[in-house]
Amino acid sequence: MKIVLSMVTKNGAEKVGRDFADVWISSLQVPYDLIILIDDSDNDKTRKFVEKFADEHNKELLVERSRLYGWHKPTRATARQTALDIFFQTTDAEWLFFLDDDVILKDGWWEEARRYVAEERVGLIWGVDLTERWEKRQRYFQARKVDPVEYAIRNFSARGGLHDTLLRREAIENIALPPWLNVYEDAWVKRFVECSGYEWRIVKTGALHLRSDWQTGYTPSDKELFTYADAILRLHPASLTSLLKTAFGLPAYLYYGWRSGNNGLEIWKARVSYRYQLLKARRRCRVQPCKTVLEYRHNREIIDSCVRHIFQARNRHS
């Protein structure tokens, strides 16, 4: 069994700081021989760190910047697609392992994951992203009596994740990601695997996610793109009922926000806005998810037209 590790990053060594070394050390429990690093950093610090790591641990290393696939700048999708293309073009490995630059695998991750590798119909294996360092979110979960692990699993079940994810070669063959997809590219991959007839499994041992509490770094156009990607892939319910249920939940948001020291009003406003925008996006983008992801390479104009107005509006205001 051959495994290739891939990391897509932008200034990872600086962003993650001293924990960056722990990210890579934790990866050694997975038996990979080749690293594909897609590095869109502003300097060479991340590349040099990974080169040193690869040399010290006898790993082959391929480094490349994102190919743009006709888009005007790198996105999460162009970075993932570049890694995928290199994987198919230069290796015969059975599994591609995506590891984010701010994720530390817990001890025992691979021991649990390897049990699922043997199942022929499993095309995707994902480890729970543990968020114990996210103090504000943890307090909110505690106030609402929500189990963070079960929440993460429900979230993955709806929209996927590539933080620490093994992908079987046959399950992702011929996959093409829209180059504008700077959000939910992980959901697109999960949907592709499912629509190709493969199953997924969850590694509950999980991995520590180091991202800053409640911070995403998404732009306004990215946030609008969220709802359209959601509508295209049919990730969450989009109905007047779900919108009203969220809207009338204001008292609960205020109460649990107060109990946990979070801004319940802002959380509620974001949820209501998302449900409303999703409802509009679903009406605009009436497509079949499986047909969309499996045939995007040949029918991209139909899907791209759903979101073109977002980028046209941005260009008018830039």
C-alpha atoms as a PDB file:
ATOM      1  CA  MET A   1       0.000   0.000   0.000  1.00  0.00           C
ATOM      2  CA  LYS A   2       1.419   3.368  -1.053  1.00  0.00           C
ATOM      3  CA  ILE A   3       0.350   6.665   0.511  1.00  0.00           C
ATOM      4  CA  VAL A   4       1.237  10.186  -0.622  1.00  0.00           C
ATOM      5  CA  LEU A   5       0.897  13.083   1.818  1.00  0.00           C
ATOM      6  CA  SER A   6      -0.157  16.464   0.464  1.00  0.00           C
ATOM      7  CA  MET A   7      -0.330  19.800   2.217  1.00  0.00           C
ATOM      8  CA  VAL A   8      -1.711  22.992   0.676  1.00  0.00           C
ATOM      9  CA  THR A   9      -0.462  26.063   2.473  1.00  0.00           C
ATOM     10  CA  LYS A  10       0.085  29.779   2.406  1.00  0.00           C
ATOM     11  CA  ASN A  11       2.646  31.058   4.933  1.00  0.00           C
ATOM     12  CA  GLY A  12       2.007  27.980   7.079  1.00  0.00           C
ATOM     13  CA  ALA A  13       5.286  28.089   8.994  1.00  0.00           C
ATOM     14  CA  GLU A  14       4.664  31.697  10.066  1.00  0.00           C
ATOM     15  CA  LYS A  15       0.918  31.335  10.612  1.00  0.00           C
ATOM     16  CA  VAL A  16       1.168  28.255  12.814  1.00  0.00           C
ATOM     17  CA  GLY A  17       4.449  29.161  14.480  1.00  0.00           C
ATOM     18  CA  ARG A  18       6.252  26.663  16.673  1.00  0.00           C
ATOM     19  CA  ASP A  19       3.328  24.224  16.426  1.00  0.00           C
ATOM     20  CA  PHE A  20       4.152  23.745  12.731  1.00  0.00           C
ATOM     21  CA  ALA A  21       6.869  21.259  13.670  1.00  0.00           C
ATOM     22  CA  ASP A  22       4.345  19.248  15.708  1.00  0.00           C
ATOM     23  CA  VAL A  23       2.019  19.092  12.687  1.00  0.00           C
ATOM     24  CA  TRP A  24       4.732  17.390  10.672  1.00  0.00           C
ATOM     25  CA  ILE A  25       6.032  15.149  13.459  1.00  0.00           C
ATOM     26  CA  SER A  26       2.492  13.895  14.050  1.00  0.00           C
ATOM     27  CA  SER A  27       2.228  12.942  10.357  1.00  0.00           C
ATOM     28  CA  LEU A  28       5.018  10.385  10.692  1.00  0.00           C
ATOM     29  CA  GLN A  29       2.620   7.810  12.121  1.00  0.00           C
ATOM     30  CA  VAL A  30       1.174   7.564   8.576  1.00  0.00           C
ATOM     31  CA  PRO A  31       3.457   5.444   6.313  1.00  0.00           C
ATOM     32  CA  TYR A  32       3.963   7.832   3.383  1.00  0.00           C
ATOM     33  CA  ASP A  33       7.123   8.169   1.289  1.00  0.00           C
ATOM     34  CA  LEU A  34       6.266  11.204  -0.859  1.00  0.00           C
ATOM     35  CA  ILE A  35       5.157  14.726   0.086  1.00  0.00           C
ATOM     36  CA  ILE A  36       3.344  16.969  -2.404  1.00  0.00           C
ATOM     37  CA  LEU A  37       3.561  20.518  -1.055  1.00  0.00           C
ATOM     38  CA  ILE A  38       1.397  23.143  -2.753  1.00  0.00           C
ATOM     39  CA  ASP A  39       2.922  26.328  -1.401  1.00  0.00           C
ATOM     40  CA  ASP A  40       1.369  29.694  -2.293  1.00  0.00           C
ATOM     41  CA  SER A  41       3.336  31.514   0.409  1.00  0.00           C
ATOM     42  CA  ASP A  42       4.708  35.038   0.164  1.00  0.00           C
ATOM     43  CA  ASN A  43       8.219  33.816   1.049  1.00  0.00           C
ATOM     44  CA  ASP A  44      10.274  30.611   1.181  1.00  0.00           C
ATOM     45  CA  LYS A  45      10.103  29.932   4.957  1.00  0.00           C
ATOM     46  CA  THR A  46       7.474  27.201   4.716  1.00  0.00           C
ATOM     47  CA  ARG A  47       9.157  25.511   1.771  1.00  0.00           C
ATOM     48  CA  LYS A  48      12.543  25.499   3.503  1.00  0.00           C
ATOM     49  CA  PHE A  49      11.044  24.037   6.678  1.00  0.00           C
ATOM     50  CA  VAL A  50       9.405  21.197   4.746  1.00  0.00           C
ATOM     51  CA  GLU A  51      12.555  20.577   2.686  1.00  0.00           C
ATOM     52  CA  LYS A  52      14.530  20.156   5.921  1.00  0.00           C
ATOM     53  CA  PHE A  53      11.860  17.877   7.396  1.00  0.00           C
ATOM     54  CA  ALA A  54      11.751  15.727   4.245  1.00  0.00           C
ATOM     55  CA  ASP A  55      15.521  15.413   4.198  1.00  0.00           C
ATOM     56  CA  GLU A  56      15.718  14.455   7.888  1.00  0.00           C
ATOM     57  CA  HIS A  57      13.018  11.785   7.574  1.00  0.00           C
ATOM     58  CA  ASN A  58      13.970  10.404   4.151  1.00  0.00           C
ATOM     59  CA  LYS A  59      10.820  11.578   2.364  1.00  0.00           C
ATOM     60  CA  GLU A  60      10.676  12.477  -1.309  1.00  0.00           C
ATOM     61  CA  LEU A  61       9.353  16.003  -1.843  1.00  0.00           C
ATOM     62  CA  LEU A  62       7.604  17.721  -4.745  1.00  0.00           C
ATOM     63  CA  VAL A  63       6.913  21.462  -4.356  1.00  0.00           C
ATOM     64  CA  GLU A  64       4.734  23.527  -6.642  1.00  0.00           C
ATOM     65  CA  ARG A  65       2.565  26.631  -6.527  1.00  0.00           C
ATOM     66  CA  SER A  66      -1.103  26.408  -7.426  1.00  0.00           C
ATOM     67  CA  ARG A  67      -1.903  26.007 -11.069  1.00  0.00           C
ATOM     68  CA  LEU A  68      -4.690  28.485 -11.794  1.00  0.00           C
ATOM     69  CA  TYR A  69      -6.892  26.484 -14.216  1.00  0.00           C
ATOM     70  CA  GLY A  70      -8.043  29.662 -15.946  1.00  0.00           C
ATOM     71  CA  TRP A  71      -8.790  31.533 -12.715  1.00  0.00           C
ATOM     72  CA  HIS A  72      -7.088  34.828 -11.842  1.00  0.00           C
ATOM     73  CA  LYS A  73      -5.618  33.840  -8.449  1.00  0.00           C
ATOM     74  CA  PRO A  74      -4.947  30.804  -6.250  1.00  0.00           C
ATOM     75  CA  THR A  75      -7.876  29.460  -4.223  1.00  0.00           C
ATOM     76  CA  ARG A  76      -8.357  26.467  -1.969  1.00  0.00           C
ATOM     77  CA  ALA A  77      -9.763  24.640  -4.988  1.00  0.00           C
ATOM     78  CA  THR A  78      -6.821  25.415  -7.300  1.00  0.00           C
ATOM     79  CA  ALA A  79      -4.406  24.283  -4.578  1.00  0.00           C
ATOM     80  CA  ARG A  80      -6.304  21.019  -3.979  1.00  0.00           C
ATOM     81  CA  GLN A  81      -6.668  20.401  -7.716  1.00  0.00           C
ATOM     82  CA  THR A  82      -2.952  20.944  -8.263  1.00  0.00           C
ATOM     83  CA  ALA A  83      -2.186  18.371  -5.572  1.00  0.00           C
ATOM     84  CA  LEU A  84      -4.683  15.946  -7.080  1.00  0.00           C
ATOM     85  CA  ASP A  85      -3.258  16.344 -10.581  1.00  0.00           C
ATOM     86  CA  ILE A  86       0.322  15.836  -9.400  1.00  0.00           C
ATOM     87  CA  PHE A  87      -0.805  12.772  -7.459  1.00  0.00           C
ATOM     88  CA  PHE A  88      -2.334  11.204 -10.577  1.00  0.00           C
ATOM     89  CA  GLN A  89       0.349  12.353 -13.002  1.00  0.00           C
ATOM     90  CA  THR A  90       3.462  11.370 -11.053  1.00  0.00           C
ATOM     91  CA  THR A  91       2.514   8.478  -8.731  1.00  0.00           C
ATOM     92  CA  ASP A  92       0.765   5.131  -8.737  1.00  0.00           C
ATOM     93  CA  ALA A  93      -0.053   5.374  -5.016  1.00  0.00           C
ATOM     94  CA  GLU A  94      -3.367   3.994  -3.821  1.00  0.00           C
ATOM     95  CA  TRP A  95      -4.103   6.743  -1.279  1.00  0.00           C
ATOM     96  CA  LEU A  96      -3.705  10.524  -1.134  1.00  0.00           C
ATOM     97  CA  PHE A  97      -3.543  11.938   2.385  1.00  0.00           C
ATOM     98  CA  PHE A  98      -4.469  15.609   2.780  1.00  0.00           C
ATOM     99  CA  LEU A  99      -3.173  17.179   5.994  1.00  0.00           C
ATOM    100  CA  ASP A 100      -3.834  20.856   6.719  1.00  0.00           C
ATOM    101  CA  ASP A 101      -0.948  22.997   7.905  1.00  0.00           C
ATOM    102  CA  ASP A 102      -2.672  23.723  11.247  1.00  0.00           C
ATOM    103  CA  VAL A 103      -3.718  20.181  12.206  1.00  0.00           C
ATOM    104  CA  ILE A 104      -1.838  17.873  14.595  1.00  0.00           C
ATOM    105  CA  LEU A 105      -2.775  14.194  14.387  1.00  0.00           C
ATOM    106  CA  LYS A 106      -3.496  12.627  17.762  1.00  0.00           C
ATOM    107  CA  ASP A 107      -1.474   9.552  18.735  1.00  0.00           C
ATOM    108  CA  GLY A 108      -3.238   6.492  17.378  1.00  0.00           C
ATOM    109  CA  TRP A 109      -4.798   8.271  14.375  1.00  0.00           C
ATOM    110  CA  TRP A 110      -3.220   5.905  11.868  1.00  0.00           C
ATOM    111  CA  GLU A 111      -3.873   2.794  13.966  1.00  0.00           C
ATOM    112  CA  GLU A 112      -7.577   3.559  13.779  1.00  0.00           C
ATOM    113  CA  ALA A 113      -7.540   4.708  10.137  1.00  0.00           C
ATOM    114  CA  ARG A 114      -5.716   1.663   8.813  1.00  0.00           C
ATOM    115  CA  ARG A 115      -8.662  -0.567   9.759  1.00  0.00           C
ATOM    116  CA  TYR A 116     -10.811   1.292   7.235  1.00  0.00           C
ATOM    117  CA  VAL A 117      -8.163   1.261   4.484  1.00  0.00           C
ATOM    118  CA  ALA A 118      -8.767  -2.469   4.046  1.00  0.00           C
ATOM    119  CA  GLU A 119     -12.458  -1.941   3.206  1.00  0.00           C
ATOM    120  CA  GLU A 120     -12.680  -1.871  -0.588  1.00  0.00           C
ATOM    121  CA  ARG A 121     -15.786   0.318  -0.758  1.00  0.00           C
ATOM    122  CA  VAL A 122     -14.307   3.016   1.502  1.00  0.00           C
ATOM    123  CA  GLY A 123     -13.102   5.964  -0.553  1.00  0.00           C
ATOM    124  CA  LEU A 124     -12.636   8.616   2.128  1.00  0.00           C
ATOM    125  CA  ILE A 125     -11.355   8.429   5.717  1.00  0.00           C
ATOM    126  CA  TRP A 126     -11.593  11.583   7.828  1.00  0.00           C
ATOM    127  CA  GLY A 127     -10.366  12.312  11.331  1.00  0.00           C
ATOM    128  CA  VAL A 128     -12.491  14.398  13.709  1.00  0.00           C
ATOM    129  CA  ASP A 129     -11.120  17.942  13.984  1.00  0.00           C
ATOM    130  CA  LEU A 130     -10.859  18.511  17.722  1.00  0.00           C
ATOM    131  CA  THR A 131     -11.186  22.145  18.753  1.00  0.00           C
ATOM    132  CA  GLU A 132     -10.215  22.082  22.412  1.00  0.00           C
ATOM    133  CA  ARG A 133      -8.120  25.234  21.998  1.00  0.00           C
ATOM    134  CA  TRP A 134     -11.145  27.203  20.776  1.00  0.00           C
ATOM    135  CA  GLU A 135     -12.127  28.521  24.196  1.00  0.00           C
ATOM    136  CA  LYS A 136     -15.095  30.680  23.146  1.00  0.00           C
ATOM    137  CA  ARG A 137     -16.617  27.905  21.064  1.00  0.00           C
ATOM    138  CA  GLN A 138     -16.053  25.368  23.842  1.00  0.00           C
ATOM    139  CA  ARG A 139     -17.879  27.596  26.322  1.00  0.00           C
ATOM    140  CA  TYR A 140     -20.762  27.974  23.861  1.00  0.00           C
ATOM    141  CA  PHE A 141     -20.956  24.212  23.373  1.00  0.00           C
ATOM    142  CA  GLN A 142     -20.909  23.657  27.131  1.00  0.00           C
ATOM    143  CA  ALA A 143     -23.731  26.152  27.645  1.00  0.00           C
ATOM    144  CA  ARG A 144     -25.833  24.369  25.042  1.00  0.00           C
ATOM    145  CA  LYS A 145     -24.755  20.912  26.284  1.00  0.00           C
ATOM    146  CA  VAL A 146     -23.358  20.035  22.860  1.00  0.00           C
ATOM    147  CA  ASP A 147     -20.679  17.341  22.570  1.00  0.00           C
ATOM    148  CA  PRO A 148     -17.919  18.894  20.390  1.00  0.00           C
ATOM    149  CA  VAL A 149     -16.978  15.539  18.866  1.00  0.00           C
ATOM    150  CA  GLU A 150     -20.549  14.673  17.928  1.00  0.00           C
ATOM    151  CA  TYR A 151     -21.001  18.205  16.584  1.00  0.00           C
ATOM    152  CA  ALA A 152     -17.887  17.790  14.413  1.00  0.00           C
ATOM    153  CA  ILE A 153     -19.175  14.455  13.090  1.00  0.00           C
ATOM    154  CA  ARG A 154     -22.596  15.925  12.244  1.00  0.00           C
ATOM    155  CA  ASN A 155     -20.890  18.838  10.524  1.00  0.00           C
ATOM    156  CA  PHE A 156     -18.703  16.493   8.497  1.00  0.00           C
ATOM    157  CA  SER A 157     -21.696  14.358   7.563  1.00  0.00           C
ATOM    158  CA  ALA A 158     -23.298  17.438   6.023  1.00  0.00           C
ATOM    159  CA  ARG A 159     -20.343  19.155   4.381  1.00  0.00           C
ATOM    160  CA  GLY A 160     -17.200  17.036   4.596  1.00  0.00           C
ATOM    161  CA  GLY A 161     -13.693  18.101   5.523  1.00  0.00           C
ATOM    162  CA  LEU A 162     -10.133  17.690   4.281  1.00  0.00           C
ATOM    163  CA  HIS A 163      -8.231  18.664   7.439  1.00  0.00           C
ATOM    164  CA  ASP A 164      -6.812  15.147   7.882  1.00  0.00           C
ATOM    165  CA  THR A 165      -8.260  12.978   5.164  1.00  0.00           C
ATOM    166  CA  LEU A 166      -7.279   9.854   3.229  1.00  0.00           C
ATOM    167  CA  LEU A 167      -8.699   9.552  -0.300  1.00  0.00           C
ATOM    168  CA  ARG A 168      -8.654   6.327  -2.325  1.00  0.00           C
ATOM    169  CA  ARG A 169      -7.278   6.788  -5.835  1.00  0.00           C
ATOM    170  CA  GLU A 170     -10.214   5.120  -7.585  1.00  0.00           C
ATOM    171  CA  ALA A 171     -12.746   7.180  -5.613  1.00  0.00           C
ATOM    172  CA  ILE A 172     -11.391  10.529  -6.841  1.00  0.00           C
ATOM    173  CA  GLU A 173     -10.325   9.618 -10.361  1.00  0.00           C
ATOM    174  CA  ASN A 174     -11.182  12.352 -12.911  1.00  0.00           C
ATOM    175  CA  ILE A 175     -12.345  14.767 -10.203  1.00  0.00           C
ATOM    176  CA  ALA A 176     -12.385  18.441 -11.210  1.00  0.00           C
ATOM    177  CA  LEU A 177     -12.952  21.301  -8.766  1.00  0.00           C
ATOM    178  CA  PRO A 178     -14.305  24.683  -9.873  1.00  0.00           C
ATOM    179  CA  PRO A 179     -11.267  26.995  -9.622  1.00  0.00           C
ATOM    180  CA  TRP A 180     -13.405  29.729  -8.001  1.00  0.00           C
ATOM    181  CA  LEU A 181     -14.358  27.404  -5.139  1.00  0.00           C
ATOM    182  CA  ASN A 182     -12.506  29.041  -2.257  1.00  0.00           C
ATOM    183  CA  VAL A 183     -15.050  27.568   0.189  1.00  0.00           C
ATOM    184  CA  TYR A 184     -16.563  24.096   0.475  1.00  0.00           C
ATOM    185  CA  GLU A 185     -13.957  22.516  -1.797  1.00  0.00           C
ATOM    186  CA  ASP A 186     -13.899  19.782   0.838  1.00  0.00           C
ATOM    187  CA  ALA A 187     -17.658  19.315   0.453  1.00  0.00           C
ATOM    188  CA  TRP A 188     -17.216  18.985  -3.313  1.00  0.00           C
ATOM    189  CA  VAL A 189     -14.636  16.209  -2.821  1.00  0.00           C
ATOM    190  CA  LYS A 190     -16.863  14.343  -0.342  1.00  0.00           C
ATOM    191  CA  ARG A 191     -19.860  14.590  -2.671  1.00  0.00           C
ATOM    192  CA  PHE A 192     -17.726  13.313  -5.583  1.00  0.00           C
ATOM    193  CA  VAL A 193     -16.627  10.291  -3.547  1.00  0.00           C
ATOM    194  CA  GLU A 194     -20.223   9.532  -2.540  1.00  0.00           C
ATOM    195  CA  CYS A 195     -21.567   9.973  -6.068  1.00  0.00           C
ATOM    196  CA  SER A 196     -18.841   7.648  -7.353  1.00  0.00           C
ATOM    197  CA  GLY A 197     -20.341   4.927  -5.188  1.00  0.00           C
ATOM    198  CA  TYR A 198     -17.839   4.929  -2.334  1.00  0.00           C
ATOM    199  CA  GLU A 199     -18.394   5.186   1.409  1.00  0.00           C
ATOM    200  CA  TRP A 200     -16.619   7.217   4.078  1.00  0.00           C
ATOM    201  CA  ARG A 201     -15.418   6.438   7.576  1.00  0.00           C
ATOM    202  CA  ILE A 202     -14.553   8.597  10.586  1.00  0.00           C
ATOM    203  CA  VAL A 203     -11.425   8.337  12.749  1.00  0.00           C
ATOM    204  CA  LYS A 204     -12.667   9.363  16.195  1.00  0.00           C
ATOM    205  CA  THR A 205      -9.118   9.533  17.570  1.00  0.00           C
ATOM    206  CA  GLY A 206      -9.076  12.784  15.666  1.00  0.00           C
ATOM    207  CA  ALA A 207      -6.666  15.651  15.281  1.00  0.00           C
ATOM    208  CA  LEU A 208      -6.119  18.972  17.035  1.00  0.00           C
ATOM    209  CA  HIS A 209      -7.181  21.934  14.887  1.00  0.00           C
ATOM    210  CA  LEU A 210      -5.068  25.005  15.673  1.00  0.00           C
ATOM    211  CA  ARG A 211      -7.097  27.629  13.819  1.00  0.00           C
ATOM    212  CA  SER A 212      -7.945  30.790  15.768  1.00  0.00           C
ATOM    213  CA  ASP A 213     -11.218  30.738  17.721  1.00  0.00           C
ATOM    214  CA  TRP A 214     -14.239  31.778  15.570  1.00  0.00           C
ATOM    215  CA  GLN A 215     -11.917  33.174  12.860  1.00  0.00           C
ATOM    216  CA  THR A 216     -12.093  32.007   9.240  1.00  0.00           C
ATOM    217  CA  GLY A 217     -10.382  34.673   7.142  1.00  0.00           C
ATOM    218  CA  TYR A 218     -13.144  34.556   4.528  1.00  0.00           C
ATOM    219  CA  THR A 219     -13.901  37.634   2.427  1.00  0.00           C
ATOM    220  CA  PRO A 220     -17.468  38.956   1.902  1.00  0.00           C
ATOM    221  CA  SER A 221     -17.600  37.331  -1.548  1.00  0.00           C
ATOM    222  CA  ASP A 222     -16.406  34.054   0.002  1.00  0.00           C
ATOM    223  CA  LYS A 223     -19.264  34.218   2.493  1.00  0.00           C
ATOM    224  CA  GLU A 224     -21.771  34.711  -0.307  1.00  0.00           C
ATOM    225  CA  LEU A 225     -20.118  31.908  -2.211  1.00  0.00           C
ATOM    226  CA  PHE A 226     -20.719  29.626   0.786  1.00  0.00           C
ATOM    227  CA  THR A 227     -24.479  29.657   0.210  1.00  0.00           C
ATOM    228  CA  TYR A 228     -24.188  29.052  -3.528  1.00  0.00           C
ATOM    229  CA  ALA A 229     -21.766  26.155  -3.083  1.00  0.00           C
ATOM    230  CA  ASP A 230     -24.149  24.813  -0.441  1.00  0.00           C
ATOM    231  CA  ALA A 231     -27.084  25.155  -2.841  1.00  0.00           C
ATOM    232  CA  ILE A 232     -25.225  23.418  -5.670  1.00  0.00           C
ATOM    233  CA  LEU A 233     -24.124  20.507  -3.472  1.00  0.00           C
ATOM    234  CA  ARG A 234     -27.367  20.342  -1.402  1.00  0.00           C
ATOM    235  CA  LEU A 235     -25.540  20.313   1.934  1.00  0.00           C
ATOM    236  CA  HIS A 236     -28.101  21.870   4.306  1.00  0.00           C
ATOM    237  CA  PRO A 237     -31.894  22.229   4.322  1.00  0.00           C
ATOM    238  CA  ALA A 238     -33.132  25.243   2.374  1.00  0.00           C
ATOM    239  CA  SER A 239     -36.758  26.023   3.110  1.00  0.00           C
ATOM    240  CA  LEU A 240     -38.955  28.709   4.579  1.00  0.00           C
ATOM    241  CA  THR A 241     -39.512  26.421   7.568  1.00  0.00           C
ATOM    242  CA  SER A 242     -35.798  26.148   8.373  1.00  0.00           C
ATOM    243  CA  LEU A 243     -35.432  29.917   7.984  1.00  0.00           C
ATOM    244  CA  LEU A 244     -38.339  30.647  10.355  1.00  0.00           C
ATOM    245  CA  LYS A 245     -37.130  28.086  12.874  1.00  0.00           C
ATOM    246  CA  THR A 246     -33.759  29.841  13.026  1.00  0.00           C
ATOM    247  CA  ALA A 247     -35.350  33.299  13.144  1.00  0.00           C
ATOM    248  CA  PHE A 248     -37.663  32.414  16.038  1.00  0.00           C
ATOM    249  CA  GLY A 249     -34.720  30.915  17.930  1.00  0.00           C
ATOM    250  CA  LEU A 250     -33.412  34.377  18.882  1.00  0.00           C
ATOM    251  CA  PRO A 251     -34.178  34.049  22.633  1.00  0.00           C
ATOM    252  CA  ALA A 252     -32.132  30.840  22.828  1.00  0.00           C
ATOM    253  CA  TYR A 253     -29.200  32.424  20.980  1.00  0.00           C
ATOM    254  CA  LEU A 254     -29.251  35.418  23.330  1.00  0.00           C
ATOM    255  CA  TYR A 255     -29.467  33.206  26.420  1.00  0.00           C
ATOM    256  CA  TYR A 256     -26.695  30.801  25.483  1.00  0.00           C
ATOM    257  CA  GLY A 257     -24.552  33.630  24.202  1.00  0.00           C
ATOM    258  CA  TRP A 258     -24.884  35.346  27.578  1.00  0.00           C
ATOM    259  CA  ARG A 259     -24.186  32.087  29.450  1.00  0.00           C
ATOM    260  CA  SER A 260     -20.997  31.442  27.461  1.00  0.00           C
ATOM    261  CA  GLY A 261     -19.652  34.977  27.091  1.00  0.00           C
ATOM    262  CA  ASN A 262     -20.298  35.012  23.332  1.00  0.00           C
ATOM    263  CA  ASN A 263     -22.297  37.477  21.262  1.00  0.00           C
ATOM    264  CA  GLY A 264     -25.513  35.518  20.806  1.00  0.00           C
ATOM    265  CA  LEU A 265     -27.098  38.250  18.707  1.00  0.00           C
ATOM    266  CA  GLU A 266     -24.281  38.167  16.159  1.00  0.00           C
ATOM    267  CA  ILE A 267     -24.389  34.364  15.991  1.00  0.00           C
ATOM    268  CA  TRP A 268     -28.164  34.503  15.420  1.00  0.00           C
ATOM    269  CA  LYS A 269     -27.868  37.203  12.747  1.00  0.00           C
ATOM    270  CA  ALA A 270     -25.238  35.169  10.896  1.00  0.00           C
ATOM    271  CA  ARG A 271     -27.402  32.025  11.002  1.00  0.00           C
ATOM    272  CA  VAL A 272     -30.549  33.808   9.827  1.00  0.00           C
ATOM    273  CA  SER A 273     -28.658  35.568   7.048  1.00  0.00           C
ATOM    274  CA  TYR A 274     -27.152  32.266   5.911  1.00  0.00           C
ATOM    275  CA  ARG A 275     -30.540  30.518   5.826  1.00  0.00           C
ATOM    276  CA  TYR A 276     -32.068  33.390   3.859  1.00  0.00           C
ATOM    277  CA  GLN A 277     -29.220  33.562   1.356  1.00  0.00           C
ATOM    278  CA  LEU A 278     -29.251  29.784   0.983  1.00  0.00           C
ATOM    279  CA  LEU A 279     -32.936  29.837   0.160  1.00  0.00           C
ATOM    280  CA  LYS A 280     -32.277  32.392  -2.608  1.00  0.00           C
ATOM    281  CA  ALA A 281     -29.276  30.479  -3.910  1.00  0.00           C
ATOM    282  CA  ARG A 282     -31.197  27.197  -4.078  1.00  0.00           C
ATOM    283  CA  ARG A 283     -33.828  28.885  -6.270  1.00  0.00           C
ATOM    284  CA  ARG A 284     -31.131  30.289  -8.538  1.00  0.00           C
ATOM    285  CA  CYS A 285     -29.086  27.078  -8.859  1.00  0.00           C
ATOM    286  CA  ARG A 286     -31.435  24.206  -9.664  1.00  0.00           C
ATOM    287  CA  VAL A 287     -28.957  21.429 -10.369  1.00  0.00           C
ATOM    288  CA  GLN A 288     -28.452  17.787  -9.456  1.00  0.00           C
ATOM    289  CA  PRO A 289     -25.429  17.415  -7.119  1.00  0.00           C
ATOM    290  CA  CYS A 290     -24.138  14.091  -8.472  1.00  0.00           C
ATOM    291  CA  LYS A 291     -24.477  15.144 -12.098  1.00  0.00           C
ATOM    292  CA  THR A 292     -22.757  18.410 -11.202  1.00  0.00           C
ATOM    293  CA  VAL A 293     -19.668  16.992  -9.493  1.00  0.00           C
ATOM    294  CA  LEU A 294     -19.216  13.967 -11.751  1.00  0.00           C
ATOM    295  CA  GLU A 295     -19.586  15.905 -15.011  1.00  0.00           C
ATOM    296  CA  TYR A 296     -18.142  19.309 -14.074  1.00  0.00           C
ATOM    297  CA  ARG A 297     -15.086  18.823 -16.258  1.00  0.00           C
ATOM    298  CA  HIS A 298     -17.366  18.690 -19.317  1.00  0.00           C
ATOM    299  CA  ASN A 299     -20.267  20.926 -18.222  1.00  0.00           C
ATOM    300  CA  ARG A 300     -18.594  23.615 -16.161  1.00  0.00           C
ATOM    301  CA  GLU A 301     -20.388  26.523 -17.862  1.00  0.00           C
ATOM    302  CA  ILE A 302     -23.746  25.503 -16.367  1.00  0.00           C
ATOM    303  CA  ILE A 303     -22.409  25.558 -12.802  1.00  0.00           C
ATOM    304  CA  ASP A 304     -20.155  28.574 -13.247  1.00  0.00           C
ATOM    305  CA  SER A 305     -23.155  30.590 -14.404  1.00  0.00           C
ATOM    306  CA  CYS A 306     -24.773  30.097 -10.972  1.00  0.00           C
ATOM    307  CA  VAL A 307     -22.079  32.137  -9.244  1.00  0.00           C
ATOM    308  CA  ARG A 308     -20.852  34.466 -11.984  1.00  0.00           C
ATOM    309  CA  HIS A 309     -22.845  37.411 -10.597  1.00  0.00           C
ATOM    310  CA  ILE A 310     -20.839  37.265  -7.330  1.00  0.00           C
ATOM    311  CA  PHE A 311     -17.557  37.892  -9.129  1.00  0.00           C
ATOM    312  CA  GLN A 312     -19.062  40.408 -11.527  1.00  0.00           C
ATOM    313  CA  ALA A 313     -20.322  42.442  -8.570  1.00  0.00           C
ATOM    314  CA  ARG A 314     -16.925  42.250  -6.908  1.00  0.00           C
ATOM    315  CA  ASN A 315     -15.198  43.453 -10.076  1.00  0.00           C
ATOM    316  CA  ARG A 316     -17.604  46.398 -10.344  1.00  0.00           C
ATOM    317  CA  HIS A 317     -16.698  47.525  -6.817  1.00  0.00           C
ATOM    318  CA  SER A 318     -12.953  46.879  -6.996  1.00  0.00           C
END
